């Protein structure tokens, strides 16, 4: 099973220990594309903080993030699983997993990034700010920049098992599974169900959507579930107590879309 995750805007305040070693990162086939983004991002942030803030879509209160980008090559790094601290990662709780579940997490979780393309949770990276929605002056839109490298690397990484795609739309644009990989890919949407004047209403709630996805991945890791495809994933999630609605795609070679329906937000 390969689980595709978005990063989080929330990150640990600083890295620790040795700085970034690009050659040590997983998915070495992305090395050249990573170097191109890193070079332009550092140069942009060092040359003109105001322009960099505008391009990166940062508020005045986040000006300090520009300085972090300038120091990407020398700042202390930490494992990606420790660096990301947003809602999904809080719910996932990597640090509290038992050793077996943690090993499964290291083998199966892949975090997408505007700067790094994709990394495993054991890869050591420094704090940074660069979303997939950024358009750099030289490289252009990062979602487009990553497509060709991802298409050459990710099918092999996906192996022959389930691909559970939990990415947000901006990060999903960087790689779209195709062909037989797409046929064993499942995307998940979390819907909040509530009765309004006796009529069921369903809605997507961003914060809770992320938290539920984090708990869902944690449950799969803790139980050691190994669904080989979307159909088996539906069964595994139902066994874990989730209410899941799903139908096979109308056309072959398309991902499955799963709805996880919840009645309480927490």
Protein backbone atom coordinates (compact mmCIF):
# COMPACT_ATOMS: atom_id res chain seq x y z
CA UNK A 1 0.00 0.00 0.00
CA UNK A 2 1.21 3.48 -0.92
CA UNK A 3 -0.45 6.43 0.81
CA UNK A 4 -0.15 9.84 -0.86
CA UNK A 5 -0.39 12.72 1.62
CA UNK A 6 -0.39 16.50 1.29
CA UNK A 7 2.15 18.42 3.37
CA UNK A 8 0.99 20.93 5.97
CA UNK A 9 1.51 24.67 6.21
CA UNK A 10 2.19 24.06 9.89
CA UNK A 11 5.75 22.91 10.48
CA UNK A 12 8.14 22.53 13.38
CA UNK A 13 9.77 25.88 14.18
CA UNK A 14 13.24 24.69 13.29
CA UNK A 15 15.21 21.71 12.18
CA UNK A 16 17.84 20.05 14.28
CA UNK A 17 21.16 18.40 13.68
CA UNK A 18 22.90 18.22 10.32
CA UNK A 19 21.66 20.27 7.37
CA UNK A 20 19.98 18.95 4.25
CA UNK A 21 21.75 16.28 2.22
CA UNK A 22 19.85 16.24 -1.08
CA UNK A 23 21.49 13.02 -2.20
CA UNK A 24 20.07 11.20 0.82
CA UNK A 25 16.42 11.86 -0.05
CA UNK A 26 14.19 9.06 -1.29
CA UNK A 27 13.08 8.94 -4.92
CA UNK A 28 16.46 9.95 -6.40
CA UNK A 29 14.84 10.22 -9.82
CA UNK A 30 13.41 13.55 -8.62
CA UNK A 31 16.87 14.95 -7.75
CA UNK A 32 17.28 17.25 -10.75
CA UNK A 33 13.77 18.68 -10.42
CA UNK A 34 14.34 19.25 -6.69
CA UNK A 35 17.63 21.03 -7.32
CA UNK A 36 15.98 23.36 -9.84
CA UNK A 37 13.26 24.42 -7.37
CA UNK A 38 15.72 24.73 -4.48
CA UNK A 39 18.12 26.90 -6.49
CA UNK A 40 15.43 29.31 -7.70
CA UNK A 41 13.63 29.49 -4.35
CA UNK A 42 16.80 30.32 -2.40
CA UNK A 43 17.90 32.89 -5.00
CA UNK A 44 14.47 34.53 -5.09
CA UNK A 45 14.21 34.83 -1.31
CA UNK A 46 17.77 36.11 -0.91
CA UNK A 47 17.42 38.74 -3.65
CA UNK A 48 14.08 40.39 -2.89
CA UNK A 49 12.05 39.53 0.21
CA UNK A 50 9.04 41.59 -0.87
CA UNK A 51 8.86 39.97 -4.29
CA UNK A 52 9.36 36.54 -2.74
CA UNK A 53 6.55 37.15 -0.26
CA UNK A 54 4.20 38.12 -3.08
CA UNK A 55 5.12 35.12 -5.24
CA UNK A 56 4.83 32.68 -2.34
CA UNK A 57 1.49 34.15 -1.28
CA UNK A 58 2.60 35.01 2.25
CA UNK A 59 1.14 37.66 4.52
CA UNK A 60 3.28 40.34 6.13
CA UNK A 61 3.11 38.37 9.36
CA UNK A 62 4.85 35.44 7.66
CA UNK A 63 7.80 37.47 6.39
CA UNK A 64 10.08 35.38 8.62
CA UNK A 65 9.41 32.38 6.38
CA UNK A 66 11.43 34.10 3.64
CA UNK A 67 14.55 34.01 5.82
CA UNK A 68 14.01 30.29 6.41
CA UNK A 69 14.00 29.71 2.67
CA UNK A 70 17.27 31.61 2.29
CA UNK A 71 18.89 29.20 4.76
CA UNK A 72 17.55 25.97 3.26
CA UNK A 73 21.00 24.59 2.47
CA UNK A 74 22.47 25.28 5.90
CA UNK A 75 19.55 25.03 8.36
CA UNK A 76 19.18 22.00 10.57
CA UNK A 77 16.97 19.29 9.11
CA UNK A 78 14.61 16.81 10.71
CA UNK A 79 12.57 13.87 9.52
CA UNK A 80 9.57 14.89 7.42
CA UNK A 81 7.33 12.94 9.79
CA UNK A 82 8.45 15.28 12.58
CA UNK A 83 8.51 18.45 10.50
CA UNK A 84 4.85 18.54 9.44
CA UNK A 85 2.56 19.50 12.32
CA UNK A 86 -0.80 20.30 10.72
CA UNK A 87 -4.21 18.84 11.50
CA UNK A 88 -3.77 15.65 9.48
CA UNK A 89 -0.39 14.93 11.03
CA UNK A 90 -1.61 15.65 14.55
CA UNK A 91 -4.37 13.08 14.03
CA UNK A 92 -1.97 10.63 12.44
CA UNK A 93 0.30 10.85 15.50
CA UNK A 94 3.40 9.27 13.99
CA UNK A 95 5.46 9.78 17.14
CA UNK A 96 3.07 7.65 19.21
CA UNK A 97 2.92 4.66 16.87
CA UNK A 98 4.29 1.34 18.07
CA UNK A 99 7.47 0.15 16.29
CA UNK A 100 5.70 -2.18 13.84
CA UNK A 101 3.20 0.49 12.82
CA UNK A 102 5.99 3.03 12.52
CA UNK A 103 7.88 0.75 10.16
CA UNK A 104 4.77 0.39 8.05
CA UNK A 105 4.43 4.18 8.00
CA UNK A 106 7.99 4.67 6.81
CA UNK A 107 7.43 2.18 4.00
CA UNK A 108 4.02 3.33 2.84
CA UNK A 109 3.61 7.09 3.41
CA UNK A 110 4.66 9.57 0.75
CA UNK A 111 4.32 13.33 1.37
CA UNK A 112 3.99 15.63 -1.63
CA UNK A 113 5.70 19.04 -1.60
CA UNK A 114 6.08 22.03 -3.85
CA UNK A 115 9.80 22.13 -3.05
CA UNK A 116 10.77 18.46 -2.77
CA UNK A 117 8.24 16.86 -5.10
CA UNK A 118 7.60 13.94 -2.77
CA UNK A 119 9.46 12.57 0.25
CA UNK A 120 9.10 9.69 2.65
CA UNK A 121 8.50 10.46 6.31
CA UNK A 122 12.01 9.36 7.24
CA UNK A 123 13.66 11.81 4.84
CA UNK A 124 15.40 14.67 6.64
CA UNK A 125 14.44 18.13 5.34
CA UNK A 126 14.64 21.67 6.79
CA UNK A 127 11.63 23.93 7.50
CA UNK A 128 10.53 25.71 4.32
CA UNK A 129 7.62 27.58 2.78
CA UNK A 130 6.71 26.80 -0.83
CA UNK A 131 3.32 25.36 -1.73
CA UNK A 132 2.52 23.42 -4.88
CA UNK A 133 0.32 26.32 -6.02
CA UNK A 134 3.33 28.67 -6.36
CA UNK A 135 4.41 29.94 -9.77
CA UNK A 136 8.13 30.75 -9.77
CA UNK A 137 9.39 33.34 -12.28
CA UNK A 138 11.80 30.92 -13.91
CA UNK A 139 10.30 27.45 -13.54
CA UNK A 140 6.68 28.51 -13.74
CA UNK A 141 3.84 26.68 -11.99
CA UNK A 142 5.24 24.02 -9.69
CA UNK A 143 2.35 21.66 -10.30
CA UNK A 144 3.36 21.61 -13.96
CA UNK A 145 7.10 21.47 -13.19
CA UNK A 146 6.68 18.23 -11.26
CA UNK A 147 4.48 16.31 -13.69
CA UNK A 148 7.11 14.84 -16.00
CA UNK A 149 9.52 13.80 -13.19
CA UNK A 150 6.64 12.30 -11.22
CA UNK A 151 5.35 10.39 -14.25
CA UNK A 152 8.77 8.78 -14.64
CA UNK A 153 9.28 7.91 -10.96
CA UNK A 154 5.94 7.32 -9.23
CA UNK A 155 4.59 4.33 -11.18
CA UNK A 156 7.52 2.22 -9.98
CA UNK A 157 7.14 3.53 -6.42
CA UNK A 158 3.46 2.58 -6.50
CA UNK A 159 4.44 -1.05 -7.02
CA UNK A 160 1.55 -3.46 -7.57
CA UNK A 161 -0.68 -2.66 -4.60
CA UNK A 162 -3.26 -0.14 -3.49
CA UNK A 163 -2.59 3.58 -3.93
CA UNK A 164 -4.55 5.58 -1.33
CA UNK A 165 -4.60 9.18 -2.52
CA UNK A 166 -5.41 11.67 0.25
CA UNK A 167 -3.87 14.74 -1.39
CA UNK A 168 -5.60 18.09 -1.81
CA UNK A 169 -6.29 19.22 -5.37
CA UNK A 170 -3.17 21.38 -5.75
CA UNK A 171 -0.89 18.47 -4.87
CA UNK A 172 -2.92 15.94 -6.82
CA UNK A 173 -2.20 18.01 -9.95
CA UNK A 174 1.50 17.16 -9.69
CA UNK A 175 0.87 13.46 -10.41
CA UNK A 176 -2.24 11.75 -11.63
CA UNK A 177 -2.08 7.94 -11.64
CA UNK A 178 -2.78 6.49 -15.06
CA UNK A 179 -3.70 3.15 -16.55
CA UNK A 180 -3.42 0.13 -14.30
CA UNK A 181 -2.06 2.25 -11.43
CA UNK A 182 -5.18 4.43 -11.57
CA UNK A 183 -7.35 1.30 -11.50
CA UNK A 184 -5.95 0.41 -8.06
CA UNK A 185 -6.06 3.98 -6.73
CA UNK A 186 -8.68 5.25 -4.29
CA UNK A 187 -9.41 8.85 -3.33
CA UNK A 188 -11.28 9.70 -0.13
CA UNK A 189 -13.74 12.45 0.65
CA UNK A 190 -15.02 12.97 4.19
CA UNK A 191 -18.65 14.08 4.49
CA UNK A 192 -20.36 15.36 7.63
CA UNK A 193 -23.93 14.09 7.82
CA UNK A 194 -26.51 15.86 9.97
CA UNK A 195 -30.27 16.11 10.16
CA UNK A 196 -31.75 19.54 9.42
CA UNK A 197 -35.51 19.71 9.91
CA UNK A 198 -35.65 15.96 9.53
CA UNK A 199 -33.70 15.96 6.25
CA UNK A 200 -30.15 14.64 5.98
CA UNK A 201 -27.65 17.26 4.86
CA UNK A 202 -24.07 16.43 3.95
CA UNK A 203 -21.15 18.81 3.77
CA UNK A 204 -17.38 18.80 3.48
CA UNK A 205 -15.62 20.42 6.45
CA UNK A 206 -11.97 21.18 5.69
CA UNK A 207 -10.50 20.92 9.20
CA UNK A 208 -12.42 17.78 10.09
CA UNK A 209 -11.73 16.29 6.67
CA UNK A 210 -7.99 16.44 7.41
CA UNK A 211 -8.36 15.07 10.93
CA UNK A 212 -10.47 12.13 9.78
CA UNK A 213 -7.98 11.27 7.05
CA UNK A 214 -5.18 11.30 9.62
CA UNK A 215 -7.09 8.96 11.94
CA UNK A 216 -8.02 6.72 9.04
CA UNK A 217 -4.38 6.26 8.01
CA UNK A 218 -3.36 5.69 11.61
CA UNK A 219 -5.98 2.96 12.02
CA UNK A 220 -4.77 1.19 8.88
CA UNK A 221 -1.15 1.36 10.10
CA UNK A 222 -1.96 0.18 13.63
CA UNK A 223 -4.01 -2.81 12.49
CA UNK A 224 -1.54 -3.74 9.78
CA UNK A 225 -4.28 -3.85 7.16
CA UNK A 226 -2.91 -4.56 3.69
CA UNK A 227 -5.70 -4.01 1.18
CA UNK A 228 -4.51 -4.86 -2.32
CA UNK A 229 -7.04 -2.68 -4.09
CA UNK A 230 -9.87 -0.21 -3.57
CA UNK A 231 -12.49 -2.90 -2.98
CA UNK A 232 -10.44 -4.46 -0.19
CA UNK A 233 -9.83 -0.97 1.24
CA UNK A 234 -13.58 -0.41 1.53
CA UNK A 235 -13.90 -3.69 3.42
CA UNK A 236 -10.94 -2.86 5.69
CA UNK A 237 -12.34 0.56 6.58
CA UNK A 238 -15.79 -0.85 7.30
CA UNK A 239 -14.18 -3.46 9.55
CA UNK A 240 -12.55 -0.56 11.41
CA UNK A 241 -15.97 1.01 11.98
CA UNK A 242 -16.00 3.64 9.25
CA UNK A 243 -19.15 4.28 7.21
CA UNK A 244 -17.94 4.10 3.63
CA UNK A 245 -19.88 4.58 0.42
CA UNK A 246 -18.19 3.58 -2.80
CA UNK A 247 -18.88 2.33 -6.28
CA UNK A 248 -16.42 1.09 -8.88
CA UNK A 249 -15.69 3.74 -11.53
CA UNK A 250 -17.89 3.67 -14.62
CA UNK A 251 -14.85 3.34 -16.88
CA UNK A 252 -11.88 1.01 -16.52
CA UNK A 253 -8.55 2.55 -15.63
CA UNK A 254 -10.05 5.23 -13.39
CA UNK A 255 -9.54 5.72 -9.62
CA UNK A 256 -12.25 4.78 -7.17
CA UNK A 257 -13.91 7.59 -5.21
CA UNK A 258 -14.76 6.75 -1.59
CA UNK A 259 -16.98 8.79 0.70
CA UNK A 260 -16.40 8.37 4.43
CA UNK A 261 -19.55 9.59 6.16
CA UNK A 262 -19.38 10.86 9.75
CA UNK A 263 -22.02 12.25 12.06
CA UNK A 264 -19.80 13.92 14.64
CA UNK A 265 -17.07 16.49 14.20
CA UNK A 266 -14.13 16.17 16.59
